[in-house]
Amino acid sequence: MAEAKRLPAGFYRSGAGGIPVREWLRCLDKADRVLIGNDIATVEFGWPIGMPACRPMGGGLYKVRTNLPGNRTARVLFCIHDERMILLHGFIKKARQTPRAELELALDRKRNLERQT
């Protein structure tokens, strides 16, 4: 019997119908997408889960951490909404700290999501 997801993932949809994380993932190499997808699945099946796979960022945001080839690091920011992991924003991290602009974008999307329901 297959293990059930504890926190199934879904994509944030903008008011215009765009799906930013899916669009970002499609721009990446297949190998990168697989690694990021595996880390998202780790959170889905292992929730609640901590470091190194996942970390709270404050304000109801969490990040999925993925180490990519070539000494690159990907982050997917998400929130929990209606017992689902909603993927809000994805990016390749270039600095030690998560840039404030990336967090603000994810928080804006989280607020939009909460207003939609």
C-alpha atoms as a PDB file:
ATOM      1  CA  MET A   1       0.000   0.000   0.000  1.00  0.00           C
ATOM      2  CA  ALA A   2       1.394   3.404  -0.993  1.00  0.00           C
ATOM      3  CA  GLU A   3       2.109   5.924   1.731  1.00  0.00           C
ATOM      4  CA  ALA A   4      -0.311   8.867   1.719  1.00  0.00           C
ATOM      5  CA  LYS A   5       0.861  12.435   1.356  1.00  0.00           C
ATOM      6  CA  ARG A   6       0.552  14.285   4.640  1.00  0.00           C
ATOM      7  CA  LEU A   7       0.646  17.699   2.978  1.00  0.00           C
ATOM      8  CA  PRO A   8      -0.205  17.508  -0.741  1.00  0.00           C
ATOM      9  CA  ALA A   9       1.350  20.222  -2.897  1.00  0.00           C
ATOM     10  CA  GLY A  10      -0.497  22.582  -5.194  1.00  0.00           C
ATOM     11  CA  PHE A  11       0.535  25.561  -7.280  1.00  0.00           C
ATOM     12  CA  TYR A  12      -0.393  29.165  -6.555  1.00  0.00           C
ATOM     13  CA  ARG A  13      -2.449  30.699  -9.381  1.00  0.00           C
ATOM     14  CA  SER A  14      -2.404  34.437  -9.957  1.00  0.00           C
ATOM     15  CA  GLY A  15      -5.596  36.383 -10.564  1.00  0.00           C
ATOM     16  CA  ALA A  16      -4.721  36.361 -14.274  1.00  0.00           C
ATOM     17  CA  GLY A  17      -4.411  32.558 -14.232  1.00  0.00           C
ATOM     18  CA  GLY A  18      -0.625  32.313 -14.317  1.00  0.00           C
ATOM     19  CA  ILE A  19       1.160  29.602 -12.341  1.00  0.00           C
ATOM     20  CA  PRO A  20       4.533  31.176 -11.461  1.00  0.00           C
ATOM     21  CA  VAL A  21       6.290  28.187  -9.887  1.00  0.00           C
ATOM     22  CA  ARG A  22       5.280  25.838 -12.701  1.00  0.00           C
ATOM     23  CA  GLU A  23       6.495  28.389 -15.268  1.00  0.00           C
ATOM     24  CA  TRP A  24       9.807  28.771 -13.391  1.00  0.00           C
ATOM     25  CA  LEU A  25      10.266  24.996 -13.199  1.00  0.00           C
ATOM     26  CA  ARG A  26       9.716  24.644 -16.945  1.00  0.00           C
ATOM     27  CA  CYS A  27      12.654  27.012 -17.549  1.00  0.00           C
ATOM     28  CA  LEU A  28      15.022  24.690 -15.655  1.00  0.00           C
ATOM     29  CA  ASP A  29      16.865  21.613 -16.910  1.00  0.00           C
ATOM     30  CA  LYS A  30      15.057  18.324 -16.439  1.00  0.00           C
ATOM     31  CA  ALA A  31      17.692  17.118 -13.933  1.00  0.00           C
ATOM     32  CA  ASP A  32      17.118  20.243 -11.812  1.00  0.00           C
ATOM     33  CA  ARG A  33      13.336  19.780 -11.964  1.00  0.00           C
ATOM     34  CA  VAL A  34      13.683  16.187 -10.789  1.00  0.00           C
ATOM     35  CA  LEU A  35      15.820  17.187  -7.796  1.00  0.00           C
ATOM     36  CA  ILE A  36      13.441  19.990  -6.808  1.00  0.00           C
ATOM     37  CA  GLY A  37      10.439  17.690  -7.265  1.00  0.00           C
ATOM     38  CA  ASN A  38      12.036  15.050  -5.055  1.00  0.00           C
ATOM     39  CA  ASP A  39      12.590  17.600  -2.294  1.00  0.00           C
ATOM     40  CA  ILE A  40       8.994  18.839  -2.569  1.00  0.00           C
ATOM     41  CA  ALA A  41       7.827  15.210  -2.330  1.00  0.00           C
ATOM     42  CA  THR A  42       9.984  14.743   0.779  1.00  0.00           C
ATOM     43  CA  VAL A  43       8.025  17.556   2.432  1.00  0.00           C
ATOM     44  CA  GLU A  44       4.675  16.232   1.147  1.00  0.00           C
ATOM     45  CA  PHE A  45       5.238  12.775   2.625  1.00  0.00           C
ATOM     46  CA  GLY A  46       7.261  13.752   5.699  1.00  0.00           C
ATOM     47  CA  TRP A  47       5.369  16.771   7.010  1.00  0.00           C
ATOM     48  CA  PRO A  48       6.044  18.145   9.553  1.00  0.00           C
ATOM     49  CA  ILE A  49       9.700  18.120   8.563  1.00  0.00           C
ATOM     50  CA  GLY A  50      12.643  20.310   9.416  1.00  0.00           C
ATOM     51  CA  MET A  51      16.156  20.975   8.245  1.00  0.00           C
ATOM     52  CA  PRO A  52      17.782  20.310   5.887  1.00  0.00           C
ATOM     53  CA  ALA A  53      14.743  19.771   3.626  1.00  0.00           C
ATOM     54  CA  CYS A  54      12.476  22.503   4.924  1.00  0.00           C
ATOM     55  CA  ARG A  55      12.703  25.606   7.079  1.00  0.00           C
ATOM     56  CA  PRO A  56      10.146  28.148   8.361  1.00  0.00           C
ATOM     57  CA  MET A  57      10.771  31.681   7.092  1.00  0.00           C
ATOM     58  CA  GLY A  58       8.242  33.587   9.234  1.00  0.00           C
ATOM     59  CA  GLY A  59       4.896  35.084   8.337  1.00  0.00           C
ATOM     60  CA  GLY A  60       3.494  31.641   7.512  1.00  0.00           C
ATOM     61  CA  LEU A  61       6.124  30.997   4.819  1.00  0.00           C
ATOM     62  CA  TYR A  62       8.370  27.960   4.549  1.00  0.00           C
ATOM     63  CA  LYS A  63      11.125  27.074   2.115  1.00  0.00           C
ATOM     64  CA  VAL A  64      12.069  23.824   0.441  1.00  0.00           C
ATOM     65  CA  ARG A  65      15.838  23.645   0.016  1.00  0.00           C
ATOM     66  CA  THR A  66      17.432  21.919  -2.978  1.00  0.00           C
ATOM     67  CA  ASN A  67      21.132  21.637  -3.757  1.00  0.00           C
ATOM     68  CA  LEU A  68      21.670  21.549  -7.514  1.00  0.00           C
ATOM     69  CA  PRO A  69      24.719  20.552  -9.575  1.00  0.00           C
ATOM     70  CA  GLY A  70      27.285  23.257 -10.222  1.00  0.00           C
ATOM     71  CA  ASN A  71      27.200  24.546  -6.634  1.00  0.00           C
ATOM     72  CA  ARG A  72      23.754  26.094  -7.185  1.00  0.00           C
ATOM     73  CA  THR A  73      20.915  26.238  -4.697  1.00  0.00           C
ATOM     74  CA  ALA A  74      17.175  26.374  -5.456  1.00  0.00           C
ATOM     75  CA  ARG A  75      14.480  27.498  -3.082  1.00  0.00           C
ATOM     76  CA  VAL A  76      10.728  27.045  -3.347  1.00  0.00           C
ATOM     77  CA  LEU A  77       8.730  29.192  -0.930  1.00  0.00           C
ATOM     78  CA  PHE A  78       5.359  27.865   0.157  1.00  0.00           C
ATOM     79  CA  CYS A  79       2.570  28.338   2.662  1.00  0.00           C
ATOM     80  CA  ILE A  80       0.004  25.977   4.114  1.00  0.00           C
ATOM     81  CA  HIS A  81      -3.530  26.735   2.985  1.00  0.00           C
ATOM     82  CA  ASP A  82      -6.564  24.458   3.373  1.00  0.00           C
ATOM     83  CA  GLU A  83      -4.301  21.591   4.515  1.00  0.00           C
ATOM     84  CA  ARG A  84      -2.221  21.869   1.333  1.00  0.00           C
ATOM     85  CA  MET A  85       1.296  22.996   0.569  1.00  0.00           C
ATOM     86  CA  ILE A  86       0.850  25.889  -1.876  1.00  0.00           C
ATOM     87  CA  LEU A  87       3.991  26.576  -3.901  1.00  0.00           C
ATOM     88  CA  LEU A  88       4.207  30.368  -4.104  1.00  0.00           C
ATOM     89  CA  HIS A  89       7.610  31.245  -5.542  1.00  0.00           C
ATOM     90  CA  GLY A  90      10.760  29.525  -6.792  1.00  0.00           C
ATOM     91  CA  PHE A  91      14.216  30.910  -7.475  1.00  0.00           C
ATOM     92  CA  ILE A  92      17.897  30.077  -7.695  1.00  0.00           C
ATOM     93  CA  LYS A  93      19.592  31.453  -4.623  1.00  0.00           C
ATOM     94  CA  LYS A  94      22.693  33.545  -5.305  1.00  0.00           C
ATOM     95  CA  ALA A  95      23.479  34.958  -1.854  1.00  0.00           C
ATOM     96  CA  ARG A  96      23.831  33.425   1.592  1.00  0.00           C
ATOM     97  CA  GLN A  97      20.618  35.010   2.865  1.00  0.00           C
ATOM     98  CA  THR A  98      17.292  34.766   1.093  1.00  0.00           C
ATOM     99  CA  PRO A  99      16.814  38.140  -0.631  1.00  0.00           C
ATOM    100  CA  ARG A 100      14.079  40.282   0.918  1.00  0.00           C
ATOM    101  CA  ALA A 101      12.485  40.834  -2.506  1.00  0.00           C
ATOM    102  CA  GLU A 102      11.980  37.064  -2.925  1.00  0.00           C
ATOM    103  CA  LEU A 103      10.300  36.835   0.502  1.00  0.00           C
ATOM    104  CA  GLU A 104       8.106  39.867  -0.190  1.00  0.00           C
ATOM    105  CA  LEU A 105       6.934  38.392  -3.496  1.00  0.00           C
ATOM    106  CA  ALA A 106       5.975  35.131  -1.784  1.00  0.00           C
ATOM    107  CA  LEU A 107       4.205  37.025   1.035  1.00  0.00           C
ATOM    108  CA  ASP A 108       2.247  39.057  -1.536  1.00  0.00           C
ATOM    109  CA  ARG A 109       1.152  35.854  -3.261  1.00  0.00           C
ATOM    110  CA  LYS A 110       0.193  34.340   0.105  1.00  0.00           C
ATOM    111  CA  ARG A 111      -1.970  37.381   0.901  1.00  0.00           C
ATOM    112  CA  ASN A 112      -3.583  37.169  -2.554  1.00  0.00           C
ATOM    113  CA  LEU A 113      -4.326  33.487  -1.973  1.00  0.00           C
ATOM    114  CA  GLU A 114      -5.938  34.246   1.383  1.00  0.00           C
ATOM    115  CA  ARG A 115      -8.095  36.995  -0.171  1.00  0.00           C
ATOM    116  CA  GLN A 116      -9.276  34.632  -2.936  1.00  0.00           C
ATOM    117  CA  THR A 117     -10.835  32.226  -0.446  1.00  0.00           C
END
